[in-house]
């Protein structure tokens, strides 16, 4: 089966991969992304994928979806990615966070023995992860699976691929149970426990930094591990429970405007999307 990654041109300049984050979504990876950016690393994170364009550079959500299917769906017929494909996908970046956690075996096989690559694992209590994942990505999923976005998603190419990716990521972690189903919390917690039991022992101890949310995050451990100077700015904090909605909301609004094919006042769209966001979170409480 032809792969999207194979259609990518070879990058004229390849940044060497220096850092790979194996922490899952909702384990302070966004704060780490901002911290690495402050330190000067060009970092691929899910927020880069969300803010990217279909067919645009190496953060195209279609590539992420293809890799996810290749490594997690045995019936996909897609040839799994190796280091060559990861290097092509990540060509613009010297650090990769969160995205790499959805196919850990392939990433570790490709980079575990590379002495120039360091790993960072962010972790938190499983029950806290499950609650946060259900409230963030789960809230997004509730919105896009509800009317009218469950119809409008098919009328805009960008939102179609983003929603498709979001649904696949949710189903992967929640065992195909929708976010409003009470079983989703237990499924998310079980998935996270299994993930950590599989990944944490497999990381090379001499090139891995483990950061635990409950112990607090800061510059000292990170900079000592990377060999960088501590910057004269506070470590980024991203504990706003509404931050996920703030990130994806503008993209949903823009997609609604494109899908409707008419000029809609930004305020009206924001009110409509906000209603569905609030409704979804209400169903999750």
Protein backbone atom coordinates (compact mmCIF):
# COMPACT_ATOMS: atom_id res chain seq x y z
CA UNK A 1 0.00 0.00 0.00
CA UNK A 2 1.42 3.45 -0.94
CA UNK A 3 2.33 5.49 2.11
CA UNK A 4 2.07 9.23 2.63
CA UNK A 5 5.56 9.31 4.14
CA UNK A 6 7.00 7.91 0.90
CA UNK A 7 5.68 10.91 -1.02
CA UNK A 8 7.62 13.30 1.18
CA UNK A 9 10.74 14.73 -0.49
CA UNK A 10 14.03 14.06 1.20
CA UNK A 11 14.77 17.04 3.45
CA UNK A 12 17.54 19.34 2.18
CA UNK A 13 18.74 19.80 5.76
CA UNK A 14 18.25 17.20 8.47
CA UNK A 15 18.42 18.18 12.11
CA UNK A 16 19.94 15.35 14.14
CA UNK A 17 17.48 13.88 16.63
CA UNK A 18 18.70 14.79 20.12
CA UNK A 19 15.71 14.31 22.42
CA UNK A 20 12.76 11.92 22.32
CA UNK A 21 9.99 12.27 24.87
CA UNK A 22 8.21 9.06 25.76
CA UNK A 23 5.68 10.68 28.07
CA UNK A 24 2.03 10.39 27.07
CA UNK A 25 -0.37 13.19 26.40
CA UNK A 26 -1.62 14.87 29.60
CA UNK A 27 1.66 14.27 31.45
CA UNK A 28 2.97 17.86 31.24
CA UNK A 29 4.35 17.39 27.73
CA UNK A 30 3.09 20.83 26.69
CA UNK A 31 5.08 22.50 29.47
CA UNK A 32 8.11 20.46 28.45
CA UNK A 33 7.58 21.50 24.83
CA UNK A 34 7.61 25.15 25.87
CA UNK A 35 10.66 24.59 28.07
CA UNK A 36 12.64 22.95 25.27
CA UNK A 37 11.65 25.78 22.94
CA UNK A 38 13.06 28.28 25.44
CA UNK A 39 16.29 26.27 25.52
CA UNK A 40 16.53 26.54 21.74
CA UNK A 41 15.30 23.13 20.58
CA UNK A 42 13.01 22.88 17.57
CA UNK A 43 10.43 20.49 18.99
CA UNK A 44 7.66 18.43 17.42
CA UNK A 45 4.66 18.10 19.75
CA UNK A 46 0.98 17.43 19.26
CA UNK A 47 0.35 21.18 19.41
CA UNK A 48 2.52 21.54 16.28
CA UNK A 49 0.37 18.93 14.54
CA UNK A 50 -2.82 20.70 15.65
CA UNK A 51 -1.53 24.02 14.35
CA UNK A 52 -0.17 22.52 11.11
CA UNK A 53 -1.75 22.32 7.69
CA UNK A 54 -2.86 19.40 5.56
CA UNK A 55 0.00 18.78 3.17
CA UNK A 56 2.18 21.22 5.08
CA UNK A 57 5.71 20.17 5.92
CA UNK A 58 6.38 17.38 8.37
CA UNK A 59 3.63 18.12 10.88
CA UNK A 60 0.88 17.02 8.51
CA UNK A 61 -1.72 15.13 10.61
CA UNK A 62 -2.06 12.59 7.79
CA UNK A 63 1.48 11.39 8.53
CA UNK A 64 0.74 10.99 12.22
CA UNK A 65 -2.44 9.07 11.42
CA UNK A 66 -0.58 6.80 9.02
CA UNK A 67 2.12 5.99 11.59
CA UNK A 68 -0.53 5.34 14.22
CA UNK A 69 -2.37 2.92 11.94
CA UNK A 70 0.81 1.20 10.78
CA UNK A 71 1.88 0.37 14.33
CA UNK A 72 -1.45 -0.17 16.09
CA UNK A 73 -3.81 -1.63 13.51
CA UNK A 74 -2.67 -5.06 12.27
CA UNK A 75 -5.28 -4.92 9.50
CA UNK A 76 -4.18 -1.56 8.10
CA UNK A 77 -1.90 -3.04 5.44
CA UNK A 78 0.51 -0.14 6.02
CA UNK A 79 4.19 -1.00 6.27
CA UNK A 80 5.47 0.00 9.74
CA UNK A 81 7.83 2.92 10.09
CA UNK A 82 11.53 2.35 10.76
CA UNK A 83 14.23 4.85 11.68
CA UNK A 84 14.39 5.97 8.05
CA UNK A 85 10.72 7.01 8.08
CA UNK A 86 10.96 8.66 11.50
CA UNK A 87 14.02 10.61 10.38
CA UNK A 88 12.13 11.78 7.31
CA UNK A 89 9.04 12.74 9.30
CA UNK A 90 11.03 14.48 12.05
CA UNK A 91 13.56 16.08 9.70
CA UNK A 92 12.84 19.64 10.84
CA UNK A 93 13.08 18.86 14.55
CA UNK A 94 15.82 17.95 16.99
CA UNK A 95 13.33 17.02 19.72
CA UNK A 96 10.09 15.02 19.55
CA UNK A 97 7.49 14.85 22.32
CA UNK A 98 4.15 13.07 22.82
CA UNK A 99 3.74 11.89 19.21
CA UNK A 100 6.45 9.28 19.83
CA UNK A 101 4.50 7.73 22.70
CA UNK A 102 1.86 6.23 20.39
CA UNK A 103 4.27 3.74 18.79
CA UNK A 104 6.86 3.22 21.54
CA UNK A 105 8.21 -0.14 20.40
CA UNK A 106 9.13 1.17 16.95
CA UNK A 107 10.67 4.35 18.36
CA UNK A 108 12.75 2.44 20.89
CA UNK A 109 13.87 -0.06 18.29
CA UNK A 110 15.01 2.82 16.09
CA UNK A 111 16.71 5.00 18.70
CA UNK A 112 17.43 3.06 21.89
CA UNK A 113 20.99 2.21 20.85
CA UNK A 114 21.76 5.64 19.38
CA UNK A 115 24.24 7.21 21.84
CA UNK A 116 23.40 10.72 20.63
CA UNK A 117 19.71 10.49 21.58
CA UNK A 118 18.43 11.24 25.08
CA UNK A 119 15.01 10.20 26.37
CA UNK A 120 12.66 12.08 28.68
CA UNK A 121 9.77 10.29 30.36
CA UNK A 122 7.13 12.42 32.07
CA UNK A 123 4.84 10.47 34.39
CA UNK A 124 1.95 10.98 36.78
CA UNK A 125 -0.50 8.94 38.85
CA UNK A 126 -2.60 6.71 36.56
CA UNK A 127 -5.90 7.94 37.97
CA UNK A 128 -4.83 11.56 37.39
CA UNK A 129 -3.82 10.74 33.83
CA UNK A 130 -7.18 9.10 33.12
CA UNK A 131 -9.15 12.02 34.51
CA UNK A 132 -7.07 14.57 32.60
CA UNK A 133 -7.19 12.66 29.31
CA UNK A 134 -10.93 12.23 29.57
CA UNK A 135 -11.40 15.91 30.34
CA UNK A 136 -9.13 17.18 27.53
CA UNK A 137 -9.04 14.93 24.46
CA UNK A 138 -12.23 13.28 25.72
CA UNK A 139 -14.04 16.62 25.73
CA UNK A 140 -12.82 17.28 22.19
CA UNK A 141 -14.04 13.86 21.08
CA UNK A 142 -17.46 14.43 22.59
CA UNK A 143 -17.76 17.66 20.62
CA UNK A 144 -16.76 16.22 17.25
CA UNK A 145 -18.96 13.15 17.69
CA UNK A 146 -22.01 15.32 18.40
CA UNK A 147 -24.26 17.29 16.06
CA UNK A 148 -23.47 19.50 14.17
CA UNK A 149 -19.72 18.75 14.00
CA UNK A 150 -20.30 15.07 13.31
CA UNK A 151 -21.73 16.28 9.98
CA UNK A 152 -19.63 19.38 9.31
CA UNK A 153 -16.38 17.47 9.87
CA UNK A 154 -16.82 15.87 6.45
CA UNK A 155 -17.15 19.23 4.69
CA UNK A 156 -13.72 20.61 5.58
CA UNK A 157 -10.52 18.74 4.66
CA UNK A 158 -8.39 20.02 7.52
CA UNK A 159 -10.90 19.31 10.25
CA UNK A 160 -11.69 15.95 8.69
CA UNK A 161 -8.10 14.77 9.09
CA UNK A 162 -7.68 16.34 12.52
CA UNK A 163 -10.93 14.85 13.82
CA UNK A 164 -10.05 11.51 12.29
CA UNK A 165 -6.68 11.56 14.04
CA UNK A 166 -8.24 12.65 17.34
CA UNK A 167 -10.80 9.85 17.20
CA UNK A 168 -8.12 7.28 16.43
CA UNK A 169 -5.96 8.48 19.34
CA UNK A 170 -8.91 8.36 21.72
CA UNK A 171 -9.97 4.88 20.64
CA UNK A 172 -6.36 3.70 20.97
CA UNK A 173 -6.15 4.79 24.62
CA UNK A 174 -9.74 4.14 25.71
CA UNK A 175 -10.22 0.75 24.03
CA UNK A 176 -12.90 2.06 21.62
CA UNK A 177 -15.21 3.22 24.41
CA UNK A 178 -16.68 6.73 23.84
CA UNK A 179 -15.69 9.47 26.31
CA UNK A 180 -19.15 9.79 27.83
CA UNK A 181 -19.16 6.10 28.75
CA UNK A 182 -18.22 5.65 32.45
CA UNK A 183 -15.98 2.73 31.48
CA UNK A 184 -13.63 5.10 29.66
CA UNK A 185 -11.93 6.16 32.90
CA UNK A 186 -11.01 2.60 33.83
CA UNK A 187 -9.90 1.87 30.27
CA UNK A 188 -7.67 4.93 30.16
CA UNK A 189 -6.13 4.10 33.50
CA UNK A 190 -5.48 0.49 32.47
CA UNK A 191 -3.93 1.60 29.19
CA UNK A 192 -1.60 4.01 30.98
CA UNK A 193 -0.51 1.43 33.55
CA UNK A 194 0.26 -1.05 30.77
CA UNK A 195 2.11 1.61 28.78
CA UNK A 196 4.35 2.58 31.68
CA UNK A 197 5.03 -1.04 32.60
CA UNK A 198 6.15 -1.67 29.03
CA UNK A 199 8.09 1.50 28.25
CA UNK A 200 9.77 2.61 31.48
CA UNK A 201 11.95 -0.51 31.95
CA UNK A 202 12.91 -0.50 28.26
CA UNK A 203 14.50 2.96 28.30
CA UNK A 204 18.31 3.19 28.56
CA UNK A 205 18.98 4.24 32.16
CA UNK A 206 22.11 6.25 31.35
CA UNK A 207 20.31 8.39 28.75
CA UNK A 208 16.88 8.78 30.32
CA UNK A 209 15.42 11.48 32.55
CA UNK A 210 12.22 10.62 34.43
CA UNK A 211 10.12 13.60 35.54
CA UNK A 212 7.23 12.97 37.94
CA UNK A 213 4.46 15.56 38.00
CA UNK A 214 3.65 15.01 41.66
CA UNK A 215 7.24 15.92 42.55
CA UNK A 216 7.10 19.17 40.59
CA UNK A 217 8.84 20.17 37.38
CA UNK A 218 11.58 22.75 36.99
CA UNK A 219 14.70 23.77 35.14
CA UNK A 220 17.36 22.21 37.35
CA UNK A 221 16.90 18.52 36.54
CA UNK A 222 16.12 19.18 32.89
CA UNK A 223 19.08 21.46 32.22
CA UNK A 224 21.51 19.27 34.15
CA UNK A 225 20.40 16.27 32.10
CA UNK A 226 20.69 18.10 28.77
CA UNK A 227 23.85 19.99 29.62
CA UNK A 228 22.19 23.37 29.11
CA UNK A 229 22.36 26.48 31.25
CA UNK A 230 19.34 27.30 33.40
CA UNK A 231 17.50 30.20 31.72
CA UNK A 232 16.55 33.29 33.66
CA UNK A 233 12.81 32.76 33.19
CA UNK A 234 10.26 30.69 35.14
CA UNK A 235 9.66 27.11 34.01
CA UNK A 236 6.50 27.04 31.86
CA UNK A 237 3.36 26.04 33.73
CA UNK A 238 0.49 24.49 31.80
CA UNK A 239 -1.96 23.37 34.44
CA UNK A 240 -4.97 25.25 33.08
CA UNK A 241 -7.72 22.60 32.71
CA UNK A 242 -9.25 24.66 29.90
CA UNK A 243 -6.02 24.92 27.90
CA UNK A 244 -6.85 22.04 25.57
CA UNK A 245 -10.08 23.74 24.56
CA UNK A 246 -8.23 27.01 24.00
CA UNK A 247 -5.83 25.24 21.64
CA UNK A 248 -8.33 23.32 19.52
CA UNK A 249 -11.22 25.79 19.72
CA UNK A 250 -9.94 28.24 17.06
CA UNK A 251 -9.36 25.38 14.62
CA UNK A 252 -12.87 24.05 15.13
CA UNK A 253 -14.28 27.54 14.60
CA UNK A 254 -12.29 28.03 11.40
CA UNK A 255 -13.37 24.64 10.12
CA UNK A 256 -17.02 25.41 10.83
CA UNK A 257 -16.77 28.63 8.84
CA UNK A 258 -15.16 26.85 5.91
CA UNK A 259 -17.62 23.96 6.06
CA UNK A 260 -20.67 26.19 6.09
CA UNK A 261 -19.35 28.05 3.06
CA UNK A 262 -20.77 31.35 4.24
CA UNK A 263 -19.44 34.36 6.06
CA UNK A 264 -20.25 33.83 9.71
CA UNK A 265 -19.42 36.32 12.40
CA UNK A 266 -16.57 35.12 14.59
CA UNK A 267 -18.55 35.82 17.72
CA UNK A 268 -21.48 33.70 16.58
CA UNK A 269 -19.22 30.79 15.73
CA UNK A 270 -17.41 31.09 19.05
CA UNK A 271 -20.69 31.03 20.93
CA UNK A 272 -21.84 27.95 19.03
CA UNK A 273 -18.62 26.05 19.53
CA UNK A 274 -18.45 27.16 23.14
CA UNK A 275 -21.93 25.74 23.72
CA UNK A 276 -20.87 22.35 22.44
CA UNK A 277 -17.65 22.43 24.44
CA UNK A 278 -19.54 23.27 27.61
CA UNK A 279 -22.15 20.65 26.85
CA UNK A 280 -19.49 17.99 26.33
CA UNK A 281 -17.67 18.82 29.53
CA UNK A 282 -20.97 18.80 31.36
CA UNK A 283 -21.55 15.26 30.14
CA UNK A 284 -18.12 14.26 31.39
CA UNK A 285 -18.52 15.47 34.94
